[in-house]
Amino acid sequence: MDRDQQFLEYVVKALVDNPDDVKIKRVVDEMGVLLTLSVNKDDMGKVIGRSGQTAKAIRTVLRVVGMKNDARVNLKIEEPEGSERAMGGGMGEGTRDRSVDDVIDSLKS
């Protein structure tokens, strides 16, 4: 398992109530590394955090881990089936697919 995936698994399993439901898929392509995170729907709030702050922090540290290994790392958090956002409700639809660069830029402002 690669360092970025190990880091993500360690952090997320420490945050959630259902660590056995944490699944991470790692794909490498010309854009870099994409880690797709899937957690129990009851744990989504813990992973995303208030106003997305926890997810932003995880993405920021993942970016640093990636830079140390000369890789561009992005995190996608999968919507669990039956969640409000997956059914079209909830907060802004485009926010979950922002790149790490977008998140870093928003943190700077």
PDB file of N, CA and C in Angstrom:
ATOM      1  N   MET A   1       0.854  -1.184   0.000  1.00  0.00           N
ATOM      2  CA  MET A   1       0.000   0.000   0.000  1.00  0.00           C
ATOM      3  C   MET A   1       0.897   1.243   0.000  1.00  0.00           C
ATOM      4  N   ASP A   2       0.541   2.207  -0.805  1.00  0.00           N
ATOM      5  CA  ASP A   2       1.340   3.428  -0.920  1.00  0.00           C
ATOM      6  C   ASP A   2       1.131   4.348   0.274  1.00  0.00           C
ATOM      7  N   ARG A   3       2.105   5.239   0.502  1.00  0.00           N
ATOM      8  CA  ARG A   3       2.065   6.116   1.673  1.00  0.00           C
ATOM      9  C   ARG A   3       0.825   6.997   1.723  1.00  0.00           C
ATOM     10  N   ASP A   4       0.407   7.532   0.567  1.00  0.00           N
ATOM     11  CA  ASP A   4      -0.766   8.394   0.574  1.00  0.00           C
ATOM     12  C   ASP A   4      -2.013   7.615   0.989  1.00  0.00           C
ATOM     13  N   GLN A   5      -2.138   6.394   0.500  1.00  0.00           N
ATOM     14  CA  GLN A   5      -3.286   5.566   0.852  1.00  0.00           C
ATOM     15  C   GLN A   5      -3.211   5.136   2.322  1.00  0.00           C
ATOM     16  N   GLN A   6      -2.013   4.799   2.795  1.00  0.00           N
ATOM     17  CA  GLN A   6      -1.832   4.433   4.198  1.00  0.00           C
ATOM     18  C   GLN A   6      -2.222   5.589   5.114  1.00  0.00           C
ATOM     19  N   PHE A   7      -1.766   6.786   4.765  1.00  0.00           N
ATOM     20  CA  PHE A   7      -2.085   7.961   5.567  1.00  0.00           C
ATOM     21  C   PHE A   7      -3.589   8.179   5.632  1.00  0.00           C
ATOM     22  N   LEU A   8      -4.240   8.165   4.469  1.00  0.00           N
ATOM     23  CA  LEU A   8      -5.677   8.401   4.419  1.00  0.00           C
ATOM     24  C   LEU A   8      -6.424   7.357   5.242  1.00  0.00           C
ATOM     25  N   GLU A   9      -6.057   6.108   5.093  1.00  0.00           N
ATOM     26  CA  GLU A   9      -6.732   5.044   5.842  1.00  0.00           C
ATOM     27  C   GLU A   9      -6.555   5.247   7.348  1.00  0.00           C
ATOM     28  N   TYR A  10      -5.345   5.562   7.773  1.00  0.00           N
ATOM     29  CA  TYR A  10      -5.068   5.756   9.199  1.00  0.00           C
ATOM     30  C   TYR A  10      -5.915   6.894   9.776  1.00  0.00           C
ATOM     31  N   VAL A  11      -5.935   8.035   9.080  1.00  0.00           N
ATOM     32  CA  VAL A  11      -6.659   9.209   9.578  1.00  0.00           C
ATOM     33  C   VAL A  11      -8.166   8.957   9.601  1.00  0.00           C
ATOM     34  N   VAL A  12      -8.688   8.437   8.506  1.00  0.00           N
ATOM     35  CA  VAL A  12     -10.140   8.257   8.412  1.00  0.00           C
ATOM     36  C   VAL A  12     -10.627   7.207   9.408  1.00  0.00           C
ATOM     37  N   LYS A  13      -9.897   6.111   9.541  1.00  0.00           N
ATOM     38  CA  LYS A  13     -10.320   5.077  10.494  1.00  0.00           C
ATOM     39  C   LYS A  13     -10.308   5.600  11.928  1.00  0.00           C
ATOM     40  N   ALA A  14      -9.420   6.563  12.216  1.00  0.00           N
ATOM     41  CA  ALA A  14      -9.383   7.160  13.554  1.00  0.00           C
ATOM     42  C   ALA A  14     -10.573   8.096  13.782  1.00  0.00           C
ATOM     43  N   LEU A  15     -11.134   8.642  12.717  1.00  0.00           N
ATOM     44  CA  LEU A  15     -12.247   9.599  12.824  1.00  0.00           C
ATOM     45  C   LEU A  15     -13.620   8.949  12.952  1.00  0.00           C
ATOM     46  N   VAL A  16     -13.805   7.815  12.291  1.00  0.00           N
ATOM     47  CA  VAL A  16     -15.145   7.250  12.119  1.00  0.00           C
ATOM     48  C   VAL A  16     -15.516   6.250  13.217  1.00  0.00           C
ATOM     49  N   ASP A  17     -16.822   5.981  13.310  1.00  0.00           N
ATOM     50  CA  ASP A  17     -17.318   4.981  14.258  1.00  0.00           C
ATOM     51  C   ASP A  17     -17.325   3.577  13.655  1.00  0.00           C
ATOM     52  N   ASN A  18     -17.266   3.492  12.319  1.00  0.00           N
ATOM     53  CA  ASN A  18     -17.318   2.202  11.627  1.00  0.00           C
ATOM     54  C   ASN A  18     -16.069   2.017  10.759  1.00  0.00           C
ATOM     55  N   PRO A  19     -14.896   1.809  11.393  1.00  0.00           N
ATOM     56  CA  PRO A  19     -13.649   1.736  10.620  1.00  0.00           C
ATOM     57  C   PRO A  19     -13.608   0.573   9.628  1.00  0.00           C
ATOM     58  N   ASP A  20     -14.368  -0.492   9.885  1.00  0.00           N
ATOM     59  CA  ASP A  20     -14.369  -1.627   8.966  1.00  0.00           C
ATOM     60  C   ASP A  20     -15.043  -1.289   7.638  1.00  0.00           C
ATOM     61  N   ASP A  21     -15.842  -0.209   7.614  1.00  0.00           N
ATOM     62  CA  ASP A  21     -16.536   0.194   6.387  1.00  0.00           C
ATOM     63  C   ASP A  21     -15.714   1.152   5.529  1.00  0.00           C
ATOM     64  N   VAL A  22     -14.520   1.527   5.989  1.00  0.00           N
ATOM     65  CA  VAL A  22     -13.671   2.451   5.231  1.00  0.00           C
ATOM     66  C   VAL A  22     -13.030   1.693   4.068  1.00  0.00           C
ATOM     67  N   LYS A  23     -13.270   2.200   2.856  1.00  0.00           N
ATOM     68  CA  LYS A  23     -12.694   1.596   1.654  1.00  0.00           C
ATOM     69  C   LYS A  23     -12.009   2.705   0.853  1.00  0.00           C
ATOM     70  N   ILE A  24     -10.816   2.414   0.360  1.00  0.00           N
ATOM     71  CA  ILE A  24     -10.060   3.392  -0.427  1.00  0.00           C
ATOM     72  C   ILE A  24      -9.612   2.728  -1.725  1.00  0.00           C
ATOM     73  N   LYS A  25      -9.962   3.380  -2.826  1.00  0.00           N
ATOM     74  CA  LYS A  25      -9.526   2.907  -4.143  1.00  0.00           C
ATOM     75  C   LYS A  25      -8.482   3.903  -4.650  1.00  0.00           C
ATOM     76  N   ARG A  26      -7.358   3.391  -5.138  1.00  0.00           N
ATOM     77  CA  ARG A  26      -6.263   4.248  -5.609  1.00  0.00           C
ATOM     78  C   ARG A  26      -6.056   4.027  -7.102  1.00  0.00           C
ATOM     79  N   VAL A  27      -6.126   5.121  -7.869  1.00  0.00           N
ATOM     80  CA  VAL A  27      -5.932   5.060  -9.318  1.00  0.00           C
ATOM     81  C   VAL A  27      -4.869   6.089  -9.698  1.00  0.00           C
ATOM     82  N   VAL A  28      -3.908   5.665 -10.514  1.00  0.00           N
ATOM     83  CA  VAL A  28      -2.860   6.565 -10.990  1.00  0.00           C
ATOM     84  C   VAL A  28      -3.038   6.740 -12.495  1.00  0.00           C
ATOM     85  N   ASP A  29      -3.054   8.001 -12.947  1.00  0.00           N
ATOM     86  CA  ASP A  29      -3.109   8.287 -14.384  1.00  0.00           C
ATOM     87  C   ASP A  29      -2.243   9.503 -14.670  1.00  0.00           C
ATOM     88  N   GLU A  30      -2.382  10.075 -15.866  1.00  0.00           N
ATOM     89  CA  GLU A  30      -1.533  11.213 -16.238  1.00  0.00           C
ATOM     90  C   GLU A  30      -1.781  12.441 -15.380  1.00  0.00           C
ATOM     91  N   MET A  31      -2.931  12.515 -14.709  1.00  0.00           N
ATOM     92  CA  MET A  31      -3.255  13.651 -13.842  1.00  0.00           C
ATOM     93  C   MET A  31      -2.642  13.493 -12.446  1.00  0.00           C
ATOM     94  N   GLY A  32      -2.216  12.302 -12.109  1.00  0.00           N
ATOM     95  CA  GLY A  32      -1.668  12.053 -10.781  1.00  0.00           C
ATOM     96  C   GLY A  32      -2.382  10.899 -10.117  1.00  0.00           C
ATOM     97  N   VAL A  33      -2.503  10.992  -8.805  1.00  0.00           N
ATOM     98  CA  VAL A  33      -3.120   9.935  -8.009  1.00  0.00           C
ATOM     99  C   VAL A  33      -4.510  10.387  -7.587  1.00  0.00           C
ATOM    100  N   LEU A  34      -5.491   9.513  -7.762  1.00  0.00           N
ATOM    101  CA  LEU A  34      -6.841   9.781  -7.279  1.00  0.00           C
ATOM    102  C   LEU A  34      -7.183   8.735  -6.239  1.00  0.00           C
ATOM    103  N   LEU A  35      -7.420   9.205  -5.015  1.00  0.00           N
ATOM    104  CA  LEU A  35      -7.875   8.324  -3.950  1.00  0.00           C
ATOM    105  C   LEU A  35      -9.384   8.533  -3.802  1.00  0.00           C
ATOM    106  N   THR A  36     -10.146   7.463  -3.934  1.00  0.00           N
ATOM    107  CA  THR A  36     -11.592   7.533  -3.779  1.00  0.00           C
ATOM    108  C   THR A  36     -11.950   6.886  -2.452  1.00  0.00           C
ATOM    109  N   LEU A  37     -12.543   7.670  -1.574  1.00  0.00           N
ATOM    110  CA  LEU A  37     -12.855   7.235  -0.220  1.00  0.00           C
ATOM    111  C   LEU A  37     -14.334   6.909  -0.095  1.00  0.00           C
ATOM    112  N   SER A  38     -14.610   5.782   0.504  1.00  0.00           N
ATOM    113  CA  SER A  38     -15.980   5.366   0.762  1.00  0.00           C
ATOM    114  C   SER A  38     -16.080   5.022   2.250  1.00  0.00           C
ATOM    115  N   VAL A  39     -17.074   5.605   2.929  1.00  0.00           N
ATOM    116  CA  VAL A  39     -17.279   5.324   4.351  1.00  0.00           C
ATOM    117  C   VAL A  39     -18.756   5.036   4.600  1.00  0.00           C
ATOM    118  N   ASN A  40     -19.061   4.531   5.766  1.00  0.00           N
ATOM    119  CA  ASN A  40     -20.440   4.304   6.178  1.00  0.00           C
ATOM    120  C   ASN A  40     -21.188   5.628   6.153  1.00  0.00           C
ATOM    121  N   LYS A  41     -22.440   5.619   5.699  1.00  0.00           N
ATOM    122  CA  LYS A  41     -23.176   6.885   5.571  1.00  0.00           C
ATOM    123  C   LYS A  41     -23.319   7.605   6.912  1.00  0.00           C
ATOM    124  N   ASP A  42     -23.307   6.873   8.018  1.00  0.00           N
ATOM    125  CA  ASP A  42     -23.401   7.507   9.338  1.00  0.00           C
ATOM    126  C   ASP A  42     -22.124   8.262   9.711  1.00  0.00           C
ATOM    127  N   ASP A  43     -21.024   7.972   9.013  1.00  0.00           N
ATOM    128  CA  ASP A  43     -19.731   8.600   9.309  1.00  0.00           C
ATOM    129  C   ASP A  43     -19.382   9.751   8.369  1.00  0.00           C
ATOM    130  N   MET A  44     -20.234  10.029   7.381  1.00  0.00           N
ATOM    131  CA  MET A  44     -19.922  11.081   6.412  1.00  0.00           C
ATOM    132  C   MET A  44     -19.675  12.431   7.088  1.00  0.00           C
ATOM    133  N   GLY A  45     -20.476  12.774   8.057  1.00  0.00           N
ATOM    134  CA  GLY A  45     -20.325  14.054   8.746  1.00  0.00           C
ATOM    135  C   GLY A  45     -18.980  14.185   9.437  1.00  0.00           C
ATOM    136  N   LYS A  46     -18.488  13.083   9.995  1.00  0.00           N
ATOM    137  CA  LYS A  46     -17.197  13.109  10.678  1.00  0.00           C
ATOM    138  C   LYS A  46     -16.049  13.323   9.692  1.00  0.00           C
ATOM    139  N   VAL A  47     -16.166  12.733   8.500  1.00  0.00           N
ATOM    140  CA  VAL A  47     -15.105  12.842   7.499  1.00  0.00           C
ATOM    141  C   VAL A  47     -15.119  14.221   6.843  1.00  0.00           C
ATOM    142  N   ILE A  48     -16.312  14.745   6.588  1.00  0.00           N
ATOM    143  CA  ILE A  48     -16.415  16.045   5.926  1.00  0.00           C
ATOM    144  C   ILE A  48     -16.203  17.177   6.917  1.00  0.00           C
ATOM    145  N   GLY A  49     -16.776  17.074   8.103  1.00  0.00           N
ATOM    146  CA  GLY A  49     -16.601  18.097   9.125  1.00  0.00           C
ATOM    147  C   GLY A  49     -17.484  19.306   8.889  1.00  0.00           C
ATOM    148  N   ARG A  50     -17.516  20.193   9.842  1.00  0.00           N
ATOM    149  CA  ARG A  50     -18.328  21.405   9.741  1.00  0.00           C
ATOM    150  C   ARG A  50     -17.828  22.274   8.597  1.00  0.00           C
ATOM    151  N   SER A  51     -18.708  22.603   7.693  1.00  0.00           N
ATOM    152  CA  SER A  51     -18.383  23.409   6.503  1.00  0.00           C
ATOM    153  C   SER A  51     -17.259  22.795   5.672  1.00  0.00           C
ATOM    154  N   GLY A  52     -17.078  21.490   5.775  1.00  0.00           N
ATOM    155  CA  GLY A  52     -16.058  20.817   4.975  1.00  0.00           C
ATOM    156  C   GLY A  52     -14.642  20.973   5.484  1.00  0.00           C
ATOM    157  N   GLN A  53     -14.481  21.473   6.694  1.00  0.00           N
ATOM    158  CA  GLN A  53     -13.142  21.764   7.207  1.00  0.00           C
ATOM    159  C   GLN A  53     -12.284  20.517   7.382  1.00  0.00           C
ATOM    160  N   THR A  54     -12.868  19.421   7.851  1.00  0.00           N
ATOM    161  CA  THR A  54     -12.077  18.203   8.041  1.00  0.00           C
ATOM    162  C   THR A  54     -11.609  17.656   6.700  1.00  0.00           C
ATOM    163  N   ALA A  55     -12.505  17.618   5.717  1.00  0.00           N
ATOM    164  CA  ALA A  55     -12.130  17.139   4.386  1.00  0.00           C
ATOM    165  C   ALA A  55     -11.045  18.024   3.780  1.00  0.00           C
ATOM    166  N   LYS A  56     -11.148  19.342   3.962  1.00  0.00           N
ATOM    167  CA  LYS A  56     -10.124  20.256   3.444  1.00  0.00           C
ATOM    168  C   LYS A  56      -8.775  19.966   4.087  1.00  0.00           C
ATOM    169  N   ALA A  57      -8.779  19.747   5.383  1.00  0.00           N
ATOM    170  CA  ALA A  57      -7.522  19.472   6.093  1.00  0.00           C
ATOM    171  C   ALA A  57      -6.899  18.169   5.611  1.00  0.00           C
ATOM    172  N   ILE A  58      -7.721  17.140   5.435  1.00  0.00           N
ATOM    173  CA  ILE A  58      -7.204  15.858   4.945  1.00  0.00           C
ATOM    174  C   ILE A  58      -6.612  16.036   3.553  1.00  0.00           C
ATOM    175  N   ARG A  59      -7.308  16.775   2.688  1.00  0.00           N
ATOM    176  CA  ARG A  59      -6.815  17.002   1.324  1.00  0.00           C
ATOM    177  C   ARG A  59      -5.492  17.768   1.334  1.00  0.00           C
ATOM    178  N   THR A  60      -5.388  18.743   2.224  1.00  0.00           N
ATOM    179  CA  THR A  60      -4.160  19.533   2.315  1.00  0.00           C
ATOM    180  C   THR A  60      -2.975  18.655   2.711  1.00  0.00           C
ATOM    181  N   VAL A  61      -3.157  17.832   3.724  1.00  0.00           N
ATOM    182  CA  VAL A  61      -2.049  16.973   4.165  1.00  0.00           C
ATOM    183  C   VAL A  61      -1.749  15.907   3.117  1.00  0.00           C
ATOM    184  N   LEU A  62      -2.786  15.395   2.439  1.00  0.00           N
ATOM    185  CA  LEU A  62      -2.543  14.443   1.351  1.00  0.00           C
ATOM    186  C   LEU A  62      -1.702  15.069   0.249  1.00  0.00           C
ATOM    187  N   ARG A  63      -1.954  16.337  -0.015  1.00  0.00           N
ATOM    188  CA  ARG A  63      -1.166  17.032  -1.045  1.00  0.00           C
ATOM    189  C   ARG A  63       0.302  17.105  -0.636  1.00  0.00           C
ATOM    190  N   VAL A  64       0.551  17.368   0.636  1.00  0.00           N
ATOM    191  CA  VAL A  64       1.925  17.422   1.135  1.00  0.00           C
ATOM    192  C   VAL A  64       2.578  16.044   1.044  1.00  0.00           C
ATOM    193  N   VAL A  65       1.840  14.998   1.432  1.00  0.00           N
ATOM    194  CA  VAL A  65       2.363  13.632   1.322  1.00  0.00           C
ATOM    195  C   VAL A  65       2.702  13.334  -0.137  1.00  0.00           C
ATOM    196  N   GLY A  66       1.827  13.755  -1.043  1.00  0.00           N
ATOM    197  CA  GLY A  66       2.074  13.546  -2.464  1.00  0.00           C
ATOM    198  C   GLY A  66       3.299  14.282  -2.955  1.00  0.00           C
ATOM    199  N   MET A  67       3.456  15.538  -2.539  1.00  0.00           N
ATOM    200  CA  MET A  67       4.619  16.327  -2.970  1.00  0.00           C
ATOM    201  C   MET A  67       5.915  15.668  -2.518  1.00  0.00           C
ATOM    202  N   LYS A  68       5.895  15.098  -1.330  1.00  0.00           N
ATOM    203  CA  LYS A  68       7.086  14.434  -0.811  1.00  0.00           C
ATOM    204  C   LYS A  68       7.462  13.242  -1.696  1.00  0.00           C
ATOM    205  N   ASN A  69       6.456  12.660  -2.345  1.00  0.00           N
ATOM    206  CA  ASN A  69       6.692  11.507  -3.215  1.00  0.00           C
ATOM    207  C   ASN A  69       6.566  11.866  -4.697  1.00  0.00           C
ATOM    208  N   ASP A  70       6.689  13.170  -5.017  1.00  0.00           N
ATOM    209  CA  ASP A  70       6.603  13.662  -6.394  1.00  0.00           C
ATOM    210  C   ASP A  70       5.337  13.213  -7.107  1.00  0.00           C
ATOM    211  N   ALA A  71       4.220  13.268  -6.412  1.00  0.00           N
ATOM    212  CA  ALA A  71       2.940  12.879  -7.011  1.00  0.00           C
ATOM    213  C   ALA A  71       1.883  13.914  -6.658  1.00  0.00           C
ATOM    214  N   ARG A  72       0.944  14.093  -7.556  1.00  0.00           N
ATOM    215  CA  ARG A  72      -0.190  14.980  -7.305  1.00  0.00           C
ATOM    216  C   ARG A  72      -1.335  14.100  -6.807  1.00  0.00           C
ATOM    217  N   VAL A  73      -1.768  14.325  -5.579  1.00  0.00           N
ATOM    218  CA  VAL A  73      -2.781  13.463  -4.969  1.00  0.00           C
ATOM    219  C   VAL A  73      -4.088  14.232  -4.810  1.00  0.00           C
ATOM    220  N   ASN A  74      -5.169  13.647  -5.310  1.00  0.00           N
ATOM    221  CA  ASN A  74      -6.506  14.206  -5.150  1.00  0.00           C
ATOM    222  C   ASN A  74      -7.368  13.201  -4.404  1.00  0.00           C
ATOM    223  N   LEU A  75      -8.323  13.732  -3.652  1.00  0.00           N
ATOM    224  CA  LEU A  75      -9.233  12.893  -2.877  1.00  0.00           C
ATOM    225  C   LEU A  75     -10.659  13.129  -3.327  1.00  0.00           C
ATOM    226  N   LYS A  76     -11.342  12.040  -3.618  1.00  0.00           N
ATOM    227  CA  LYS A  76     -12.769  12.098  -3.920  1.00  0.00           C
ATOM    228  C   LYS A  76     -13.486  11.319  -2.832  1.00  0.00           C
ATOM    229  N   ILE A  77     -14.475  11.945  -2.230  1.00  0.00           N
ATOM    230  CA  ILE A  77     -15.267  11.276  -1.199  1.00  0.00           C
ATOM    231  C   ILE A  77     -16.578  10.849  -1.846  1.00  0.00           C
ATOM    232  N   GLU A  78     -16.800   9.540  -1.907  1.00  0.00           N
ATOM    233  CA  GLU A  78     -18.004   9.016  -2.551  1.00  0.00           C
ATOM    234  C   GLU A  78     -19.228   9.260  -1.682  1.00  0.00           C
ATOM    235  N   GLU A  79     -20.313   9.628  -2.345  1.00  0.00           N
ATOM    236  CA  GLU A  79     -21.586   9.790  -1.650  1.00  0.00           C
ATOM    237  C   GLU A  79     -22.171   8.403  -1.388  1.00  0.00           C
ATOM    238  N   PRO A  80     -22.507   8.095  -0.138  1.00  0.00           N
ATOM    239  CA  PRO A  80     -23.115   6.791   0.128  1.00  0.00           C
ATOM    240  C   PRO A  80     -24.544   6.759  -0.409  1.00  0.00           C
ATOM    241  N   GLU A  81     -25.004   5.582  -0.780  1.00  0.00           N
ATOM    242  CA  GLU A  81     -26.369   5.452  -1.263  1.00  0.00           C
ATOM    243  C   GLU A  81     -27.338   5.865  -0.170  1.00  0.00           C
ATOM    244  N   GLY A  82     -28.353   6.611  -0.582  1.00  0.00           N
ATOM    245  CA  GLY A  82     -29.364   7.037   0.377  1.00  0.00           C
ATOM    246  C   GLY A  82     -29.042   8.329   1.094  1.00  0.00           C
ATOM    247  N   SER A  83     -27.884   8.940   0.801  1.00  0.00           N
ATOM    248  CA  SER A  83     -27.573  10.203   1.457  1.00  0.00           C
ATOM    249  C   SER A  83     -28.383  11.319   0.811  1.00  0.00           C
ATOM    250  N   GLU A  84     -28.602  12.396   1.539  1.00  0.00           N
ATOM    251  CA  GLU A  84     -29.401  13.506   1.033  1.00  0.00           C
ATOM    252  C   GLU A  84     -28.752  14.149  -0.174  1.00  0.00           C
ATOM    253  N   ARG A  85     -27.432  14.338  -0.139  1.00  0.00           N
ATOM    254  CA  ARG A  85     -26.750  14.995  -1.260  1.00  0.00           C
ATOM    255  C   ARG A  85     -26.775  14.123  -2.497  1.00  0.00           C
ATOM    256  N   ALA A  86     -26.698  12.809  -2.321  1.00  0.00           N
ATOM    257  CA  ALA A  86     -26.719  11.916  -3.483  1.00  0.00           C
ATOM    258  C   ALA A  86     -28.071  11.983  -4.184  1.00  0.00           C
ATOM    259  N   MET A  87     -29.108  12.375  -3.452  1.00  0.00           N
ATOM    260  CA  MET A  87     -30.434  12.475  -4.043  1.00  0.00           C
ATOM    261  C   MET A  87     -30.718  13.882  -4.552  1.00  0.00           C
ATOM    262  N   GLY A  88     -29.702  14.743  -4.572  1.00  0.00           N
ATOM    263  CA  GLY A  88     -29.873  16.072  -5.146  1.00  0.00           C
ATOM    264  C   GLY A  88     -30.112  17.156  -4.113  1.00  0.00           C
ATOM    265  N   GLY A  89     -30.236  16.806  -2.861  1.00  0.00           N
ATOM    266  CA  GLY A  89     -30.429  17.822  -1.831  1.00  0.00           C
ATOM    267  C   GLY A  89     -29.101  18.223  -1.228  1.00  0.00           C
ATOM    268  N   GLY A  90     -29.144  18.932  -0.137  1.00  0.00           N
ATOM    269  CA  GLY A  90     -27.924  19.256   0.579  1.00  0.00           C
ATOM    270  C   GLY A  90     -27.207  20.464   0.028  1.00  0.00           C
ATOM    271  N   MET A  91     -25.934  20.589   0.389  1.00  0.00           N
ATOM    272  CA  MET A  91     -25.150  21.760   0.039  1.00  0.00           C
ATOM    273  C   MET A  91     -24.699  21.692  -1.408  1.00  0.00           C
ATOM    274  N   GLY A  92     -24.116  22.772  -1.905  1.00  0.00           N
ATOM    275  CA  GLY A  92     -23.725  22.929  -3.297  1.00  0.00           C
ATOM    276  C   GLY A  92     -23.176  21.690  -3.959  1.00  0.00           C
ATOM    277  N   GLU A  93     -23.744  21.307  -5.053  1.00  0.00           N
ATOM    278  CA  GLU A  93     -23.409  20.056  -5.721  1.00  0.00           C
ATOM    279  C   GLU A  93     -21.966  20.000  -6.199  1.00  0.00           C
ATOM    280  N   GLY A  94     -21.395  21.117  -6.647  1.00  0.00           N
ATOM    281  CA  GLY A  94     -20.059  21.095  -7.207  1.00  0.00           C
ATOM    282  C   GLY A  94     -18.934  21.048  -6.192  1.00  0.00           C
ATOM    283  N   THR A  95     -19.221  21.195  -4.920  1.00  0.00           N
ATOM    284  CA  THR A  95     -18.160  21.333  -3.937  1.00  0.00           C
ATOM    285  C   THR A  95     -17.359  20.061  -3.723  1.00  0.00           C
ATOM    286  N   ARG A  96     -17.924  18.912  -3.894  1.00  0.00           N
ATOM    287  CA  ARG A  96     -17.205  17.690  -3.550  1.00  0.00           C
ATOM    288  C   ARG A  96     -16.156  17.290  -4.570  1.00  0.00           C
ATOM    289  N   ASP A  97     -16.242  17.787  -5.804  1.00  0.00           N
ATOM    290  CA  ASP A  97     -15.297  17.389  -6.831  1.00  0.00           C
ATOM    291  C   ASP A  97     -14.212  18.431  -7.086  1.00  0.00           C
ATOM    292  N   ARG A  98     -14.046  19.360  -6.160  1.00  0.00           N
ATOM    293  CA  ARG A  98     -13.006  20.363  -6.334  1.00  0.00           C
ATOM    294  C   ARG A  98     -11.644  19.709  -6.192  1.00  0.00           C
ATOM    295  N   SER A  99     -10.679  20.231  -6.933  1.00  0.00           N
ATOM    296  CA  SER A  99      -9.329  19.689  -6.847  1.00  0.00           C
ATOM    297  C   SER A  99      -8.641  20.223  -5.595  1.00  0.00           C
ATOM    298  N   VAL A 100      -7.538  19.615  -5.257  1.00  0.00           N
ATOM    299  CA  VAL A 100      -6.764  20.065  -4.102  1.00  0.00           C
ATOM    300  C   VAL A 100      -6.298  21.502  -4.321  1.00  0.00           C
ATOM    301  N   ASP A 101      -5.935  21.844  -5.567  1.00  0.00           N
ATOM    302  CA  ASP A 101      -5.510  23.212  -5.856  1.00  0.00           C
ATOM    303  C   ASP A 101      -6.615  24.212  -5.538  1.00  0.00           C
ATOM    304  N   ASP A 102      -7.855  23.869  -5.896  1.00  0.00           N
ATOM    305  CA  ASP A 102      -8.982  24.747  -5.592  1.00  0.00           C
ATOM    306  C   ASP A 102      -9.133  24.926  -4.084  1.00  0.00           C
ATOM    307  N   VAL A 103      -8.980  23.835  -3.353  1.00  0.00           N
ATOM    308  CA  VAL A 103      -9.109  23.897  -1.900  1.00  0.00           C
ATOM    309  C   VAL A 103      -8.001  24.748  -1.309  1.00  0.00           C
ATOM    310  N   ILE A 104      -6.766  24.554  -1.777  1.00  0.00           N
ATOM    311  CA  ILE A 104      -5.626  25.332  -1.287  1.00  0.00           C
ATOM    312  C   ILE A 104      -5.856  26.813  -1.566  1.00  0.00           C
ATOM    313  N   ASP A 105      -6.317  27.124  -2.783  1.00  0.00           N
ATOM    314  CA  ASP A 105      -6.586  28.522  -3.138  1.00  0.00           C
ATOM    315  C   ASP A 105      -7.656  29.125  -2.219  1.00  0.00           C
ATOM    316  N   SER A 106      -8.685  28.344  -1.913  1.00  0.00           N
ATOM    317  CA  SER A 106      -9.742  28.878  -1.048  1.00  0.00           C
ATOM    318  C   SER A 106      -9.237  29.064   0.389  1.00  0.00           C
ATOM    319  N   LEU A 107      -8.280  28.243   0.797  1.00  0.00           N
ATOM    320  CA  LEU A 107      -7.716  28.394   2.137  1.00  0.00           C
ATOM    321  C   LEU A 107      -6.864  29.655   2.234  1.00  0.00           C
ATOM    322  N   LYS A 108      -6.230  30.036   1.131  1.00  0.00           N
ATOM    323  CA  LYS A 108      -5.366  31.217   1.121  1.00  0.00           C
ATOM    324  C   LYS A 108      -6.177  32.506   1.205  1.00  0.00           C
ATOM    325  N   SER A 109      -7.404  32.471   0.673  1.00  0.00           N
ATOM    326  CA  SER A 109      -8.197  33.718   0.643  1.00  0.00           C
ATOM    327  C   SER A 109      -9.015  33.910   1.887  1.00  0.00           C
TER     328      SER A 109
END
